[in-house]
Protein backbone atom coordinates (compact mmCIF):
# COMPACT_ATOMS: atom_id res chain seq x y z
CA MET A 1 1.54 -13.44 37.08
CA PRO A 2 -1.46 -15.58 36.06
CA VAL A 3 -2.78 -14.86 32.58
CA THR A 4 -6.44 -14.82 31.60
CA VAL A 5 -7.95 -14.54 28.13
CA ARG A 6 -11.29 -12.85 27.58
CA PRO A 7 -13.33 -11.75 24.57
CA VAL A 8 -13.46 -8.14 23.44
CA THR A 9 -16.85 -6.86 24.58
CA SER A 10 -16.55 -3.07 24.77
CA SER A 11 -15.11 -0.11 22.89
CA ARG A 12 -12.42 0.09 25.54
CA ASP A 13 -11.52 -3.55 24.95
CA LEU A 14 -11.44 -2.95 21.21
CA ALA A 15 -9.10 0.02 21.60
CA ALA A 16 -6.79 -2.11 23.75
CA TRP A 17 -6.89 -4.94 21.19
CA VAL A 18 -6.10 -2.59 18.29
CA GLN A 19 -3.36 -0.59 20.00
CA PHE A 20 -1.66 -3.32 22.04
CA PRO A 21 1.24 -4.25 19.72
CA ARG A 22 2.21 -0.63 19.15
CA ARG A 23 2.56 -0.08 22.85
CA ARG A 24 3.79 -3.40 24.18
CA VAL A 25 5.49 -5.47 21.45
CA TYR A 26 7.30 -3.29 18.92
CA PRO A 27 9.72 -0.56 20.03
CA SER A 28 9.86 2.60 17.94
CA ALA A 29 13.11 1.43 16.32
CA SER A 30 11.48 -1.79 15.06
CA PRO A 31 10.94 -2.17 11.28
CA TRP A 32 7.31 -3.09 12.05
CA VAL A 33 4.75 -0.78 10.46
CA PRO A 34 1.60 -0.17 12.51
CA PRO A 35 -1.62 -0.70 10.58
CA LEU A 36 -4.13 2.11 10.68
CA ASP A 37 -6.36 1.81 13.73
CA ARG A 38 -9.52 2.61 11.81
CA ASP A 39 -8.72 -0.03 9.21
CA LEU A 40 -8.48 -2.69 11.93
CA VAL A 41 -11.78 -1.55 13.42
CA ARG A 42 -13.34 -1.69 9.94
CA LEU A 43 -11.98 -5.21 9.46
CA LEU A 44 -13.78 -6.39 12.60
CA ASP A 45 -17.04 -4.59 11.78
CA ARG A 46 -19.64 -7.28 11.09
CA ARG A 47 -21.82 -4.80 9.20
CA LYS A 48 -19.07 -3.72 6.80
CA ASN A 49 -16.78 -6.70 6.28
CA PRO A 50 -18.32 -9.30 3.90
CA PHE A 51 -16.15 -11.97 5.58
CA PHE A 52 -18.86 -12.18 8.24
CA GLN A 53 -21.50 -13.16 5.70
CA GLN A 54 -19.91 -16.63 5.63
CA GLY A 55 -17.55 -16.60 8.60
CA ASP A 56 -17.30 -15.83 12.28
CA ALA A 57 -14.57 -14.42 14.50
CA ALA A 58 -13.83 -13.65 18.14
CA ALA A 59 -11.31 -10.99 19.18
CA LEU A 60 -9.52 -12.09 22.37
CA LEU A 61 -7.33 -10.22 24.87
CA ALA A 62 -4.83 -11.74 27.29
CA THR A 63 -4.27 -9.86 30.54
CA ASP A 64 -2.11 -10.47 33.59
CA ALA A 65 -3.16 -10.33 37.23
CA ALA A 66 -2.62 -6.56 37.28
CA GLY A 67 -5.04 -6.12 34.38
CA GLN A 68 -2.29 -5.24 31.89
CA THR A 69 -2.74 -6.48 28.33
CA VAL A 70 0.00 -8.97 27.43
CA GLY A 71 -1.35 -10.36 24.15
CA ARG A 72 -4.16 -10.56 21.63
CA VAL A 73 -5.47 -12.90 18.95
CA LEU A 74 -8.42 -13.27 16.60
CA ALA A 75 -10.04 -16.71 16.45
CA GLN A 76 -12.01 -17.25 13.26
CA ILE A 77 -13.81 -19.72 11.06
CA TYR A 78 -14.38 -19.28 7.35
CA ARG A 79 -16.97 -21.84 6.28
CA PRO A 80 -16.30 -21.62 2.51
CA HIS A 81 -12.75 -22.82 3.22
CA ASN A 82 -13.94 -25.94 5.02
CA GLU A 83 -16.55 -26.67 2.37
CA ARG A 84 -14.04 -26.28 -0.47
CA HIS A 85 -11.17 -28.21 1.13
CA GLY A 86 -13.14 -30.82 3.05
CA GLU A 87 -11.73 -29.71 6.41
CA ARG A 88 -12.93 -28.74 9.86
CA THR A 89 -10.38 -26.00 10.41
CA ALA A 90 -10.48 -22.91 12.59
CA PHE A 91 -7.94 -20.16 12.10
CA PHE A 92 -6.16 -17.63 14.23
CA GLY A 93 -4.83 -14.26 13.16
CA PHE A 94 -3.57 -10.90 14.38
CA PHE A 95 -1.51 -12.79 16.95
CA GLU A 96 0.60 -10.35 18.97
CA CYS A 97 2.20 -11.18 22.29
CA ARG A 98 4.94 -10.14 24.64
CA ASP A 99 7.81 -12.58 25.08
CA ASP A 100 5.72 -14.49 27.60
CA GLN A 101 5.11 -18.21 27.08
CA GLU A 102 2.17 -18.37 29.49
CA ALA A 103 0.40 -15.59 27.60
CA ALA A 104 1.10 -17.14 24.19
CA THR A 105 -0.10 -20.58 25.29
CA ALA A 106 -3.24 -19.12 26.82
CA LEU A 107 -4.05 -17.23 23.61
CA ILE A 108 -3.57 -20.28 21.39
CA GLN A 109 -5.62 -22.45 23.73
CA ALA A 110 -8.41 -19.86 23.75
CA ALA A 111 -8.39 -19.76 19.93
CA ALA A 112 -8.50 -23.57 19.88
CA GLN A 113 -11.43 -23.57 22.29
CA ALA A 114 -13.30 -21.17 20.00
CA GLY A 115 -12.56 -23.57 17.15
CA ALA A 116 -13.88 -26.49 19.18
CA ALA A 117 -17.10 -24.56 19.79
CA TRP A 118 -17.45 -24.18 16.01
CA GLY A 119 -17.02 -27.94 15.58
CA CYS A 120 -13.47 -27.80 14.21
CA ASP A 121 -10.61 -30.24 14.77
CA THR A 122 -7.63 -28.18 13.51
CA LEU A 123 -6.25 -24.72 14.30
CA ARG A 124 -4.14 -22.97 11.64
CA GLY A 125 -2.62 -19.52 11.23
CA PRO A 126 -1.87 -16.73 11.42
CA PHE A 127 -4.30 -15.48 8.77
CA ASN A 128 -5.52 -11.86 8.89
CA LEU A 129 -8.35 -12.94 8.05
CA THR A 130 -7.96 -15.25 5.03
CA ALA A 131 -5.21 -16.60 2.78
CA MET A 132 -5.74 -13.61 0.48
CA GLN A 133 -4.68 -11.20 3.24
CA GLU A 134 -1.59 -10.90 5.43
CA MET A 135 -0.44 -14.22 6.81
CA GLY A 136 2.40 -16.05 8.50
CA VAL A 137 5.10 -15.58 11.13
CA MET A 138 8.60 -14.46 10.20
CA VAL A 139 11.49 -16.86 10.74
CA ASP A 140 14.25 -14.96 8.90
CA GLY A 141 14.96 -11.50 7.45
CA PHE A 142 14.15 -9.55 10.61
CA GLU A 143 16.57 -6.77 9.64
CA TYR A 144 14.42 -5.80 6.64
CA PRO A 145 11.29 -3.64 6.93
CA PRO A 146 8.06 -5.04 5.49
CA ALA A 147 6.48 -3.63 2.36
CA VAL A 148 2.77 -3.06 1.90
CA ASP A 149 0.75 -6.23 2.50
CA GLN A 150 3.75 -8.03 4.05
CA THR A 151 3.93 -9.45 7.57
CA TYR A 152 6.53 -8.46 10.14
CA THR A 153 6.72 -10.23 13.52
CA PRO A 154 9.28 -10.51 16.35
CA SER A 155 12.01 -13.14 16.27
CA TYR A 156 10.67 -14.83 19.42
CA TYR A 157 7.24 -15.68 17.97
CA PRO A 158 8.26 -19.06 16.45
CA ALA A 159 9.45 -20.35 19.82
CA LEU A 160 6.28 -19.13 21.56
CA LEU A 161 3.99 -20.82 19.04
CA GLU A 162 5.93 -24.07 18.97
CA GLN A 163 6.01 -24.27 22.77
CA ALA A 164 2.27 -23.64 22.72
CA GLY A 165 1.85 -26.88 20.75
CA LEU A 166 1.83 -25.77 17.11
CA ARG A 167 4.02 -27.07 14.27
CA ARG A 168 5.37 -25.31 11.19
CA ILE A 169 3.66 -25.77 7.83
CA PHE A 170 3.54 -23.92 4.50
CA PRO A 171 6.85 -22.01 4.28
CA HIS A 172 6.75 -18.92 2.09
CA THR A 173 9.06 -16.10 1.04
CA THR A 174 8.93 -12.42 0.08
CA TYR A 175 11.25 -10.96 -2.56
CA ARG A 176 12.76 -7.62 -3.53
CA LEU A 177 14.35 -6.15 -6.63
CA ASP A 178 16.48 -3.28 -5.33
CA ASP A 179 16.93 -1.50 -8.66
CA VAL A 180 14.42 -1.87 -11.48
CA ARG A 181 16.96 -0.30 -13.86
CA SER A 182 19.38 -3.16 -13.27
CA VAL A 183 17.23 -5.53 -15.35
CA ALA A 184 18.08 -5.84 -19.04
CA LEU A 185 14.58 -5.54 -20.47
CA ASP A 186 15.58 -6.79 -23.92
CA GLY A 187 16.85 -10.00 -22.35
CA LEU A 188 13.53 -10.80 -20.67
CA LEU A 189 11.69 -11.59 -23.91
CA THR A 190 12.65 -14.39 -26.26
CA GLU A 191 11.32 -15.30 -29.68
CA ARG A 192 8.62 -17.38 -27.94
CA HIS A 193 7.28 -14.26 -26.22
CA ARG A 194 7.35 -12.24 -29.43
CA VAL A 195 5.39 -14.98 -31.18
CA LEU A 196 2.74 -14.68 -28.48
CA SER A 197 2.32 -11.02 -29.30
CA VAL A 198 1.92 -11.69 -33.03
CA GLU A 199 0.26 -15.09 -33.45
CA ARG A 200 -1.83 -15.08 -30.29
CA ARG A 201 -2.40 -11.31 -30.48
CA LEU A 202 -1.25 -10.81 -26.89
CA THR A 203 -1.44 -7.21 -25.68
CA ILE A 204 -0.85 -5.60 -22.29
CA ARG A 205 -2.94 -2.67 -21.14
CA PRO A 206 -3.16 -0.58 -17.97
CA ALA A 207 -6.23 -0.56 -15.76
CA ARG A 208 -9.09 1.69 -16.77
CA MET A 209 -9.70 3.50 -13.49
CA THR A 210 -12.83 5.21 -14.84
CA HIS A 211 -14.33 1.69 -14.93
CA PHE A 212 -12.93 0.52 -11.63
CA GLU A 213 -15.69 -1.93 -10.69
CA GLN A 214 -15.55 -3.61 -14.10
CA GLU A 215 -11.75 -3.89 -13.92
CA LEU A 216 -12.01 -5.32 -10.43
CA GLU A 217 -14.40 -7.98 -11.67
CA ILE A 218 -11.92 -8.95 -14.42
CA LEU A 219 -9.18 -9.22 -11.81
CA ARG A 220 -11.43 -11.34 -9.55
CA ARG A 221 -12.25 -13.79 -12.32
CA LEU A 222 -8.61 -14.19 -13.28
CA LEU A 223 -7.48 -14.44 -9.68
CA ASN A 224 -10.03 -17.13 -8.84
CA GLU A 225 -9.14 -19.08 -11.96
CA SER A 226 -5.36 -18.90 -11.59
CA PHE A 227 -5.27 -19.60 -7.83
CA ALA A 228 -7.88 -22.37 -7.83
CA GLU A 229 -5.46 -25.22 -7.05
CA LEU A 230 -3.40 -23.47 -4.35
CA ALA A 231 -3.52 -24.55 -0.71
CA ASN A 232 -5.89 -22.59 1.55
CA PHE A 233 -7.31 -20.61 -1.38
CA VAL A 234 -11.03 -19.89 -1.52
CA PRO A 235 -12.51 -17.98 -4.48
CA LEU A 236 -13.20 -14.37 -3.62
CA THR A 237 -16.64 -12.85 -3.98
CA ALA A 238 -17.05 -9.44 -5.59
CA ASP A 239 -17.86 -7.87 -2.22
CA GLU A 240 -14.79 -9.41 -0.58
CA LEU A 241 -12.41 -8.18 -3.27
CA LEU A 242 -13.90 -4.70 -3.23
CA PHE A 243 -13.55 -4.60 0.56
CA GLN A 244 -9.87 -5.54 0.34
CA VAL A 245 -8.77 -3.58 -2.72
CA GLY A 246 -11.24 -0.71 -2.55
CA THR A 247 -9.25 1.04 0.17
CA TYR A 248 -6.30 1.22 -2.25
CA ARG A 249 -8.36 2.93 -4.96
CA SER A 250 -7.32 6.49 -4.13
CA TYR A 251 -3.64 5.75 -4.52
CA LEU A 252 -3.53 3.03 -7.16
CA ASP A 253 -1.30 3.77 -10.13
CA PRO A 254 -3.12 2.35 -13.18
CA ASN A 255 0.23 1.87 -14.89
CA LEU A 256 1.04 -0.79 -12.27
CA LEU A 257 -2.25 -2.68 -12.63
CA LEU A 258 -1.82 -4.46 -15.94
CA VAL A 259 -4.10 -6.80 -17.85
CA ALA A 260 -2.89 -9.26 -20.50
CA GLU A 261 -5.41 -9.81 -23.29
CA MET A 262 -5.52 -12.29 -26.16
CA ASP A 263 -7.83 -11.21 -28.97
CA GLY A 264 -9.23 -8.67 -26.54
CA VAL A 265 -10.06 -11.25 -23.86
CA PRO A 266 -8.35 -10.85 -20.43
CA ARG A 267 -6.10 -13.84 -19.68
CA GLY A 268 -3.66 -12.62 -17.00
CA PHE A 269 -2.84 -9.70 -14.72
CA VAL A 270 -0.40 -8.14 -12.30
CA LEU A 271 -1.40 -5.79 -9.49
CA ALA A 272 1.32 -3.59 -7.99
CA VAL A 273 0.87 -0.54 -5.79
CA PRO A 274 3.10 2.32 -4.65
CA GLU A 275 5.01 1.49 -1.47
CA PHE A 276 3.30 3.63 1.15
CA ASN A 277 4.53 1.78 4.25
CA PRO A 278 7.08 4.53 5.04
CA LEU A 279 4.14 6.92 5.24
CA LEU A 280 2.14 4.54 7.42
CA LYS A 281 5.14 4.27 9.71
CA ARG A 282 5.12 8.04 10.18
CA LEU A 283 1.36 8.16 10.75
CA GLU A 284 1.72 5.61 13.59
CA GLY A 285 -1.74 4.17 13.00
CA SER A 286 -3.55 7.41 13.68
CA VAL A 287 -5.05 8.27 10.27
CA SER A 288 -7.54 6.24 8.27
CA ALA A 289 -6.72 5.09 4.75
CA PRO A 290 -8.92 7.63 2.88
CA HIS A 291 -6.88 10.47 4.39
CA ILE A 292 -3.47 9.15 3.33
CA VAL A 293 -3.41 10.93 -0.01
CA GLY A 294 -4.28 14.22 1.66
CA ALA A 295 -1.31 13.77 3.98
CA LEU A 296 1.17 13.28 1.15
CA PRO A 297 2.28 16.89 0.65
CA SER A 298 3.40 17.06 4.27
CA VAL A 299 5.62 14.00 3.96
CA GLY A 300 7.44 14.64 0.72
CA GLY A 301 4.81 14.30 -1.99
CA TRP A 302 5.73 11.85 -4.76
CA LEU A 303 8.88 10.68 -2.94
CA TRP A 304 6.84 8.05 -1.13
CA GLN A 305 6.20 6.42 -4.51
CA ARG A 306 9.83 5.66 -5.33
CA ASP A 307 9.25 1.99 -4.47
CA ALA A 308 6.43 -0.28 -5.60
CA VAL A 309 5.02 -3.56 -4.32
CA LEU A 310 3.77 -6.44 -6.47
CA ILE A 311 0.71 -7.56 -4.52
CA ILE A 312 -0.66 -10.34 -6.68
CA GLN A 313 -0.42 -11.81 -10.17
CA GLY A 314 -2.03 -14.60 -12.12
CA VAL A 315 -2.67 -16.25 -15.49
CA GLU A 316 -5.50 -18.57 -16.47
CA ARG A 317 -4.47 -22.12 -15.60
CA ARG A 318 -4.71 -23.50 -19.14
CA LEU A 319 -2.34 -20.77 -20.35
CA GLN A 320 0.19 -20.95 -17.54
CA GLY A 321 3.75 -21.69 -18.61
CA GLN A 322 3.33 -20.14 -22.06
CA GLY A 323 5.14 -16.88 -21.28
CA ILE A 324 2.26 -14.51 -20.58
CA MET A 325 3.56 -13.63 -17.11
CA ARG A 326 7.01 -12.82 -18.50
CA VAL A 327 5.43 -10.36 -20.96
CA LEU A 328 3.44 -8.81 -18.10
CA HIS A 329 6.60 -8.46 -16.01
CA HIS A 330 8.42 -6.87 -18.94
CA GLN A 331 5.72 -4.22 -19.28
CA LEU A 332 5.57 -3.70 -15.51
CA LEU A 333 9.30 -3.02 -15.33
CA HIS A 334 9.09 -0.68 -18.30
CA ASN A 335 6.29 1.26 -16.58
CA LEU A 336 8.14 1.36 -13.28
CA ARG A 337 11.13 2.93 -14.99
CA SER A 338 9.10 5.47 -16.92
CA ARG A 339 7.20 6.41 -13.74
CA ARG A 340 10.49 6.91 -11.85
CA TYR A 341 10.08 4.04 -9.39
CA ARG A 342 13.28 2.69 -7.92
CA ALA A 343 12.62 -0.77 -6.44
CA LEU A 344 10.01 -3.53 -6.52
CA SER A 345 9.05 -5.67 -3.54
CA VAL A 346 7.01 -8.86 -3.97
CA THR A 347 4.55 -10.14 -1.37
CA TRP A 348 4.79 -13.74 -0.23
CA ILE A 349 5.13 -16.67 -2.61
CA ALA A 350 4.73 -20.21 -1.30
CA ASP A 351 7.93 -22.24 -1.51
CA GLU A 352 5.94 -24.98 -3.24
CA ASN A 353 4.95 -22.53 -6.00
CA ALA A 354 8.12 -22.99 -8.05
CA ALA A 355 6.74 -21.29 -11.17
CA SER A 356 5.97 -18.01 -9.41
CA SER A 357 9.27 -18.06 -7.51
CA SER A 358 11.15 -18.60 -10.75
CA SER A 359 9.30 -15.78 -12.49
CA VAL A 360 10.30 -13.17 -9.90
CA ARG A 361 13.85 -14.50 -9.59
CA ALA A 362 14.19 -14.09 -13.36
CA LEU A 363 13.70 -10.36 -12.81
CA GLY A 364 16.65 -10.31 -10.42
CA ALA A 365 14.52 -10.25 -7.26
CA ARG A 366 16.09 -11.93 -4.24
CA PRO A 367 14.55 -13.49 -1.11
CA ARG A 368 13.82 -10.95 1.62
CA HIS A 369 11.77 -12.48 4.43
CA ARG A 370 11.13 -16.13 5.28
CA LEU A 371 7.78 -16.94 6.86
CA THR A 372 5.75 -19.94 7.96
CA LEU A 373 2.25 -20.89 9.04
CA TYR A 374 1.48 -22.96 12.11
CA GLU A 375 -1.02 -25.73 12.74
CA GLY A 376 -2.13 -27.98 15.58
CA SER A 377 -4.81 -30.42 16.68
CA ILE A 378 -7.57 -28.65 18.58
CA GLU A 379 -8.03 -31.70 20.80
CA ALA A 380 -4.34 -31.61 21.80
CA LEU A 381 -4.27 -27.83 22.19
CA THR A 382 -7.33 -27.64 24.42
CA GLY A 383 -6.14 -30.54 26.54
CA ALA A 384 -2.56 -29.32 27.09
CA GLY A 385 -1.08 -26.91 29.60
CA ASN A 386 -2.70 -24.86 32.28
CA GLY A 387 -3.60 -21.67 30.41
CA ASN A 388 -6.87 -20.06 31.41
CA SER A 389 -9.54 -18.66 29.14
């Protein structure tokens, strides 16, 4: 049947956009974990999401001749990215589609046309919404469920996107340490690391949750400094970081948010969170994030916290390679053990980021999922095929 792509213009359209993958792409037996409906609605709310202070986005639905939804995508532009990297790039995200090449091609062409209207020459994605959020398409590891902040997509997506005219770029990998007790903690630190603690007065402390906003600002400064040279990265504003991390506040474990200080000055950090994806799976997208903690007693209480997820980590660039991250990892593993966590998953690390990959492999973590981004010329995408928009 012919496929058409149209913008989301009503609450009914928005509900269809939000709920489509749960109904039409992922069977109940799939490892995919549905995001909370209200969180997706919040993400697209121009009044609440600070992304829209410097960016724009268009939610798009693909339907067949019978009016049935067969796919969705979000076309977006983030102007700070183009200013920082000297590009004219539009992005696509939240791509979900049935195994239907006509629908996939129509969605990508519609996203490219939105990019053309914004004056862009390249389409890249998926980003949900930026490089500091979920990103990529899976190409391997489909048998493993995703952890918090990790992407899971069907095995047929790569073929759909490549046939739609996109090419693979930026491979990246997630990792998992199945048993935190399997790591010999004494073997992680060498004399070099002990010298850091004495001569450079390196100390590791947990987050001070009674001063959450101040701690978040420390994390933002360190994150922006340590990630400055990475592809697709744009420094986060205070409002953007609060929007992204603030929803985690109720169920953060301060013992997993660690700050490395030298002479009392923050120089590095790790941010891990309890693995609550099994709970999200059971909620099936029907409860908003602030209510998750209240639901815990009905789903086994603390048992949901037996795994943890390392979301992000960083060290000031001038101090990278000196061993600070190893000391942070040592303390993180110690805290995981004392808090009765079992396993540690690690969100994506770019294959080109050899230092970060090596640091998590040194803990005994092994590759879990393989992912990739996609990119194409907007001129070629809008001029190819017969998809409608």
